[in-house]
Amino acid sequence: MKRFLEFVAFLLIAQGAGAIAHHFFGWFTMWGLVHRVGFLDGYEVFAGITLVVLGVAVGGASEKVARTPS
């Protein structure tokens, strides 16, 4: 479970950073998903920041799951 949560955290942080970089610099046009979602038009930066924050939270949760005794 820890590995899965770490992978999800990585994906969330990468997509959020990619969305922010795409908005400000135009990079990451091939694999970024936020700029392709229609209802997020105009809110790409907020969605990117939200994804980064969620990624950090999921990463913290993965550390908590790892410390829980089985």
PDB file of N, CA and C in Angstrom:
ATOM      1  N   MET A   1       0.829  -1.196   0.000  1.00  0.00           N
ATOM      2  CA  MET A   1       0.000   0.000   0.000  1.00  0.00           C
ATOM      3  C   MET A   1       0.869   1.255   0.000  1.00  0.00           C
ATOM      4  N   LYS A   2       2.006   1.179   0.695  1.00  0.00           N
ATOM      5  CA  LYS A   2       2.885   2.340   0.778  1.00  0.00           C
ATOM      6  C   LYS A   2       3.409   2.728  -0.600  1.00  0.00           C
ATOM      7  N   ARG A   3       3.827   1.735  -1.374  1.00  0.00           N
ATOM      8  CA  ARG A   3       4.352   2.004  -2.721  1.00  0.00           C
ATOM      9  C   ARG A   3       3.283   2.625  -3.618  1.00  0.00           C
ATOM     10  N   PHE A   4       2.060   2.122  -3.516  1.00  0.00           N
ATOM     11  CA  PHE A   4       0.973   2.662  -4.330  1.00  0.00           C
ATOM     12  C   PHE A   4       0.705   4.126  -3.977  1.00  0.00           C
ATOM     13  N   LEU A   5       0.658   4.438  -2.687  1.00  0.00           N
ATOM     14  CA  LEU A   5       0.421   5.817  -2.269  1.00  0.00           C
ATOM     15  C   LEU A   5       1.572   6.738  -2.682  1.00  0.00           C
ATOM     16  N   GLU A   6       2.805   6.228  -2.622  1.00  0.00           N
ATOM     17  CA  GLU A   6       3.940   7.024  -3.078  1.00  0.00           C
ATOM     18  C   GLU A   6       3.853   7.299  -4.571  1.00  0.00           C
ATOM     19  N   PHE A   7       3.420   6.297  -5.335  1.00  0.00           N
ATOM     20  CA  PHE A   7       3.255   6.476  -6.779  1.00  0.00           C
ATOM     21  C   PHE A   7       2.162   7.499  -7.085  1.00  0.00           C
ATOM     22  N   VAL A   8       1.045   7.420  -6.384  1.00  0.00           N
ATOM     23  CA  VAL A   8      -0.048   8.386  -6.570  1.00  0.00           C
ATOM     24  C   VAL A   8       0.420   9.784  -6.185  1.00  0.00           C
ATOM     25  N   ALA A   9       1.177   9.890  -5.107  1.00  0.00           N
ATOM     26  CA  ALA A   9       1.705  11.193  -4.693  1.00  0.00           C
ATOM     27  C   ALA A   9       2.619  11.764  -5.771  1.00  0.00           C
ATOM     28  N   PHE A  10       3.479  10.929  -6.337  1.00  0.00           N
ATOM     29  CA  PHE A  10       4.361  11.378  -7.408  1.00  0.00           C
ATOM     30  C   PHE A  10       3.563  11.862  -8.610  1.00  0.00           C
ATOM     31  N   LEU A  11       2.543  11.109  -8.997  1.00  0.00           N
ATOM     32  CA  LEU A  11       1.718  11.516 -10.138  1.00  0.00           C
ATOM     33  C   LEU A  11       1.018  12.849  -9.882  1.00  0.00           C
ATOM     34  N   LEU A  12       0.468  13.013  -8.699  1.00  0.00           N
ATOM     35  CA  LEU A  12      -0.225  14.258  -8.373  1.00  0.00           C
ATOM     36  C   LEU A  12       0.727  15.448  -8.382  1.00  0.00           C
ATOM     37  N   ILE A  13       1.904  15.283  -7.789  1.00  0.00           N
ATOM     38  CA  ILE A  13       2.867  16.382  -7.753  1.00  0.00           C
ATOM     39  C   ILE A  13       3.377  16.688  -9.155  1.00  0.00           C
ATOM     40  N   ALA A  14       3.649  15.653  -9.944  1.00  0.00           N
ATOM     41  CA  ALA A  14       4.142  15.870 -11.306  1.00  0.00           C
ATOM     42  C   ALA A  14       3.094  16.556 -12.178  1.00  0.00           C
ATOM     43  N   GLN A  15       1.843  16.150 -12.068  1.00  0.00           N
ATOM     44  CA  GLN A  15       0.789  16.784 -12.852  1.00  0.00           C
ATOM     45  C   GLN A  15       0.555  18.223 -12.407  1.00  0.00           C
ATOM     46  N   GLY A  16       0.616  18.467 -11.109  1.00  0.00           N
ATOM     47  CA  GLY A  16       0.446  19.833 -10.614  1.00  0.00           C
ATOM     48  C   GLY A  16       1.577  20.741 -11.057  1.00  0.00           C
ATOM     49  N   ALA A  17       2.816  20.264 -10.931  1.00  0.00           N
ATOM     50  CA  ALA A  17       3.960  21.059 -11.378  1.00  0.00           C
ATOM     51  C   ALA A  17       3.930  21.260 -12.880  1.00  0.00           C
ATOM     52  N   GLY A  18       3.518  20.237 -13.605  1.00  0.00           N
ATOM     53  CA  GLY A  18       3.391  20.364 -15.053  1.00  0.00           C
ATOM     54  C   GLY A  18       2.330  21.377 -15.462  1.00  0.00           C
ATOM     55  N   ALA A  19       1.238  21.410 -14.724  1.00  0.00           N
ATOM     56  CA  ALA A  19       0.173  22.379 -15.021  1.00  0.00           C
ATOM     57  C   ALA A  19       0.648  23.802 -14.773  1.00  0.00           C
ATOM     58  N   ILE A  20       1.374  24.002 -13.687  1.00  0.00           N
ATOM     59  CA  ILE A  20       1.881  25.339 -13.384  1.00  0.00           C
ATOM     60  C   ILE A  20       2.926  25.755 -14.409  1.00  0.00           C
ATOM     61  N   ALA A  21       3.840  24.841 -14.759  1.00  0.00           N
ATOM     62  CA  ALA A  21       4.863  25.149 -15.757  1.00  0.00           C
ATOM     63  C   ALA A  21       4.240  25.401 -17.123  1.00  0.00           C
ATOM     64  N   HIS A  22       3.222  24.628 -17.483  1.00  0.00           N
ATOM     65  CA  HIS A  22       2.557  24.842 -18.772  1.00  0.00           C
ATOM     66  C   HIS A  22       1.862  26.194 -18.817  1.00  0.00           C
ATOM     67  N   HIS A  23       1.249  26.581 -17.733  1.00  0.00           N
ATOM     68  CA  HIS A  23       0.542  27.862 -17.720  1.00  0.00           C
ATOM     69  C   HIS A  23       1.505  29.042 -17.862  1.00  0.00           C
ATOM     70  N   PHE A  24       2.616  29.002 -17.142  1.00  0.00           N
ATOM     71  CA  PHE A  24       3.519  30.141 -17.143  1.00  0.00           C
ATOM     72  C   PHE A  24       4.552  30.112 -18.270  1.00  0.00           C
ATOM     73  N   PHE A  25       4.985  28.910 -18.685  1.00  0.00           N
ATOM     74  CA  PHE A  25       6.076  28.822 -19.652  1.00  0.00           C
ATOM     75  C   PHE A  25       5.693  28.130 -20.952  1.00  0.00           C
ATOM     76  N   GLY A  26       4.583  27.398 -20.975  1.00  0.00           N
ATOM     77  CA  GLY A  26       4.179  26.687 -22.172  1.00  0.00           C
ATOM     78  C   GLY A  26       4.817  25.314 -22.314  1.00  0.00           C
ATOM     79  N   TRP A  27       5.516  24.835 -21.291  1.00  0.00           N
ATOM     80  CA  TRP A  27       6.141  23.517 -21.344  1.00  0.00           C
ATOM     81  C   TRP A  27       5.129  22.440 -21.004  1.00  0.00           C
ATOM     82  N   PHE A  28       5.544  21.202 -21.144  1.00  0.00           N
ATOM     83  CA  PHE A  28       4.773  20.018 -20.750  1.00  0.00           C
ATOM     84  C   PHE A  28       3.435  19.928 -21.475  1.00  0.00           C
ATOM     85  N   THR A  29       3.463  20.125 -22.780  1.00  0.00           N
ATOM     86  CA  THR A  29       2.216  20.054 -23.535  1.00  0.00           C
ATOM     87  C   THR A  29       1.798  18.622 -23.843  1.00  0.00           C
ATOM     88  N   MET A  30       2.719  17.677 -23.787  1.00  0.00           N
ATOM     89  CA  MET A  30       2.402  16.318 -24.204  1.00  0.00           C
ATOM     90  C   MET A  30       1.753  15.481 -23.104  1.00  0.00           C
ATOM     91  N   TRP A  31       2.181  15.603 -21.849  1.00  0.00           N
ATOM     92  CA  TRP A  31       1.681  14.697 -20.819  1.00  0.00           C
ATOM     93  C   TRP A  31       0.889  15.376 -19.716  1.00  0.00           C
ATOM     94  N   GLY A  32       0.766  16.677 -19.766  1.00  0.00           N
ATOM     95  CA  GLY A  32      -0.030  17.365 -18.755  1.00  0.00           C
ATOM     96  C   GLY A  32      -1.510  17.173 -19.003  1.00  0.00           C
ATOM     97  N   LEU A  33      -2.248  16.935 -17.954  1.00  0.00           N
ATOM     98  CA  LEU A  33      -3.685  16.679 -18.108  1.00  0.00           C
ATOM     99  C   LEU A  33      -4.566  17.864 -17.749  1.00  0.00           C
ATOM    100  N   VAL A  34      -4.075  18.765 -16.925  1.00  0.00           N
ATOM    101  CA  VAL A  34      -4.926  19.841 -16.425  1.00  0.00           C
ATOM    102  C   VAL A  34      -5.348  20.774 -17.551  1.00  0.00           C
ATOM    103  N   HIS A  35      -4.447  21.091 -18.460  1.00  0.00           N
ATOM    104  CA  HIS A  35      -4.809  22.020 -19.528  1.00  0.00           C
ATOM    105  C   HIS A  35      -5.709  21.388 -20.580  1.00  0.00           C
ATOM    106  N   ARG A  36      -5.895  20.073 -20.534  1.00  0.00           N
ATOM    107  CA  ARG A  36      -6.766  19.385 -21.480  1.00  0.00           C
ATOM    108  C   ARG A  36      -8.203  19.243 -20.979  1.00  0.00           C
ATOM    109  N   VAL A  37      -8.415  19.469 -19.701  1.00  0.00           N
ATOM    110  CA  VAL A  37      -9.750  19.325 -19.121  1.00  0.00           C
ATOM    111  C   VAL A  37     -10.503  20.635 -19.335  1.00  0.00           C
ATOM    112  N   GLY A  38     -11.631  20.554 -20.011  1.00  0.00           N
ATOM    113  CA  GLY A  38     -12.352  21.745 -20.440  1.00  0.00           C
ATOM    114  C   GLY A  38     -12.889  22.623 -19.322  1.00  0.00           C
ATOM    115  N   PHE A  39     -13.417  22.022 -18.274  1.00  0.00           N
ATOM    116  CA  PHE A  39     -14.041  22.833 -17.228  1.00  0.00           C
ATOM    117  C   PHE A  39     -13.027  23.536 -16.339  1.00  0.00           C
ATOM    118  N   LEU A  40     -11.729  23.279 -16.537  1.00  0.00           N
ATOM    119  CA  LEU A  40     -10.701  23.970 -15.753  1.00  0.00           C
ATOM    120  C   LEU A  40     -10.115  25.175 -16.492  1.00  0.00           C
ATOM    121  N   ASP A  41     -10.701  25.539 -17.622  1.00  0.00           N
ATOM    122  CA  ASP A  41     -10.201  26.701 -18.361  1.00  0.00           C
ATOM    123  C   ASP A  41     -10.259  27.945 -17.488  1.00  0.00           C
ATOM    124  N   GLY A  42      -9.120  28.575 -17.331  1.00  0.00           N
ATOM    125  CA  GLY A  42      -9.017  29.751 -16.494  1.00  0.00           C
ATOM    126  C   GLY A  42      -8.607  29.449 -15.063  1.00  0.00           C
ATOM    127  N   TYR A  43      -8.635  28.183 -14.684  1.00  0.00           N
ATOM    128  CA  TYR A  43      -8.294  27.789 -13.314  1.00  0.00           C
ATOM    129  C   TYR A  43      -7.114  26.817 -13.282  1.00  0.00           C
ATOM    130  N   GLU A  44      -6.275  26.842 -14.318  1.00  0.00           N
ATOM    131  CA  GLU A  44      -5.184  25.878 -14.407  1.00  0.00           C
ATOM    132  C   GLU A  44      -4.184  26.023 -13.266  1.00  0.00           C
ATOM    133  N   VAL A  45      -3.886  27.261 -12.871  1.00  0.00           N
ATOM    134  CA  VAL A  45      -2.919  27.474 -11.793  1.00  0.00           C
ATOM    135  C   VAL A  45      -3.480  26.963 -10.470  1.00  0.00           C
ATOM    136  N   PHE A  46      -4.730  27.259 -10.189  1.00  0.00           N
ATOM    137  CA  PHE A  46      -5.351  26.791  -8.949  1.00  0.00           C
ATOM    138  C   PHE A  46      -5.433  25.272  -8.923  1.00  0.00           C
ATOM    139  N   ALA A  47      -5.773  24.670 -10.051  1.00  0.00           N
ATOM    140  CA  ALA A  47      -5.823  23.209 -10.125  1.00  0.00           C
ATOM    141  C   ALA A  47      -4.431  22.617  -9.938  1.00  0.00           C
ATOM    142  N   GLY A  48      -3.410  23.239 -10.505  1.00  0.00           N
ATOM    143  CA  GLY A  48      -2.046  22.749 -10.339  1.00  0.00           C
ATOM    144  C   GLY A  48      -1.576  22.834  -8.900  1.00  0.00           C
ATOM    145  N   ILE A  49      -1.871  23.945  -8.253  1.00  0.00           N
ATOM    146  CA  ILE A  49      -1.495  24.096  -6.841  1.00  0.00           C
ATOM    147  C   ILE A  49      -2.241  23.075  -5.989  1.00  0.00           C
ATOM    148  N   THR A  50      -3.508  22.858  -6.292  1.00  0.00           N
ATOM    149  CA  THR A  50      -4.295  21.877  -5.554  1.00  0.00           C
ATOM    150  C   THR A  50      -3.722  20.473  -5.725  1.00  0.00           C
ATOM    151  N   LEU A  51      -3.299  20.137  -6.945  1.00  0.00           N
ATOM    152  CA  LEU A  51      -2.711  18.820  -7.173  1.00  0.00           C
ATOM    153  C   LEU A  51      -1.396  18.652  -6.414  1.00  0.00           C
ATOM    154  N   VAL A  52      -0.584  19.698  -6.377  1.00  0.00           N
ATOM    155  CA  VAL A  52       0.674  19.610  -5.625  1.00  0.00           C
ATOM    156  C   VAL A  52       0.392  19.426  -4.136  1.00  0.00           C
ATOM    157  N   VAL A  53      -0.550  20.181  -3.598  1.00  0.00           N
ATOM    158  CA  VAL A  53      -0.891  20.063  -2.176  1.00  0.00           C
ATOM    159  C   VAL A  53      -1.456  18.677  -1.878  1.00  0.00           C
ATOM    160  N   LEU A  54      -2.325  18.167  -2.741  1.00  0.00           N
ATOM    161  CA  LEU A  54      -2.859  16.820  -2.540  1.00  0.00           C
ATOM    162  C   LEU A  54      -1.761  15.769  -2.633  1.00  0.00           C
ATOM    163  N   GLY A  55      -0.807  15.970  -3.537  1.00  0.00           N
ATOM    164  CA  GLY A  55       0.308  15.041  -3.649  1.00  0.00           C
ATOM    165  C   GLY A  55       1.155  15.002  -2.396  1.00  0.00           C
ATOM    166  N   VAL A  56       1.397  16.165  -1.816  1.00  0.00           N
ATOM    167  CA  VAL A  56       2.157  16.217  -0.565  1.00  0.00           C
ATOM    168  C   VAL A  56       1.363  15.541   0.553  1.00  0.00           C
ATOM    169  N   ALA A  57       0.060  15.750   0.579  1.00  0.00           N
ATOM    170  CA  ALA A  57      -0.771  15.118   1.613  1.00  0.00           C
ATOM    171  C   ALA A  57      -0.786  13.600   1.459  1.00  0.00           C
ATOM    172  N   VAL A  58      -0.902  13.115   0.235  1.00  0.00           N
ATOM    173  CA  VAL A  58      -0.890  11.667   0.007  1.00  0.00           C
ATOM    174  C   VAL A  58       0.481  11.092   0.338  1.00  0.00           C
ATOM    175  N   GLY A  59       1.544  11.832   0.043  1.00  0.00           N
ATOM    176  CA  GLY A  59       2.884  11.390   0.419  1.00  0.00           C
ATOM    177  C   GLY A  59       3.039  11.296   1.928  1.00  0.00           C
ATOM    178  N   GLY A  60       2.492  12.257   2.628  1.00  0.00           N
ATOM    179  CA  GLY A  60       2.510  12.190   4.089  1.00  0.00           C
ATOM    180  C   GLY A  60       1.686  11.028   4.615  1.00  0.00           C
ATOM    181  N   ALA A  61       0.575  10.757   3.963  1.00  0.00           N
ATOM    182  CA  ALA A  61      -0.252   9.624   4.375  1.00  0.00           C
ATOM    183  C   ALA A  61       0.465   8.308   4.118  1.00  0.00           C
ATOM    184  N   SER A  62       1.249   8.249   3.055  1.00  0.00           N
ATOM    185  CA  SER A  62       1.984   7.013   2.777  1.00  0.00           C
ATOM    186  C   SER A  62       3.035   6.767   3.854  1.00  0.00           C
ATOM    187  N   GLU A  63       3.621   7.820   4.372  1.00  0.00           N
ATOM    188  CA  GLU A  63       4.575   7.652   5.472  1.00  0.00           C
ATOM    189  C   GLU A  63       3.858   7.191   6.741  1.00  0.00           C
ATOM    190  N   LYS A  64       2.679   7.689   6.961  1.00  0.00           N
ATOM    191  CA  LYS A  64       1.898   7.286   8.133  1.00  0.00           C
ATOM    192  C   LYS A  64       1.481   5.817   8.027  1.00  0.00           C
ATOM    193  N   VAL A  65       1.096   5.392   6.830  1.00  0.00           N
ATOM    194  CA  VAL A  65       0.715   3.994   6.618  1.00  0.00           C
ATOM    195  C   VAL A  65       1.922   3.099   6.852  1.00  0.00           C
ATOM    196  N   ALA A  66       3.106   3.555   6.468  1.00  0.00           N
ATOM    197  CA  ALA A  66       4.304   2.745   6.622  1.00  0.00           C
ATOM    198  C   ALA A  66       4.660   2.567   8.098  1.00  0.00           C
ATOM    199  N   ARG A  67       4.354   3.536   8.925  1.00  0.00           N
ATOM    200  CA  ARG A  67       4.702   3.468  10.336  1.00  0.00           C
ATOM    201  C   ARG A  67       3.676   2.711  11.170  1.00  0.00           C
ATOM    202  N   THR A  68       2.516   2.461  10.622  1.00  0.00           N
ATOM    203  CA  THR A  68       1.468   1.756  11.353  1.00  0.00           C
ATOM    204  C   THR A  68       1.863   0.292  11.512  1.00  0.00           C
ATOM    205  N   PRO A  69       1.883  -0.236  12.728  1.00  0.00           N
ATOM    206  CA  PRO A  69       2.259  -1.637  12.922  1.00  0.00           C
ATOM    207  C   PRO A  69       1.210  -2.579  12.336  1.00  0.00           C
ATOM    208  N   SER A  70       1.677  -3.659  11.739  1.00  0.00           N
ATOM    209  CA  SER A  70       0.755  -4.619  11.115  1.00  0.00           C
ATOM    210  C   SER A  70       0.361  -5.701  12.068  1.00  0.00           C
TER     211      SER A  70
END
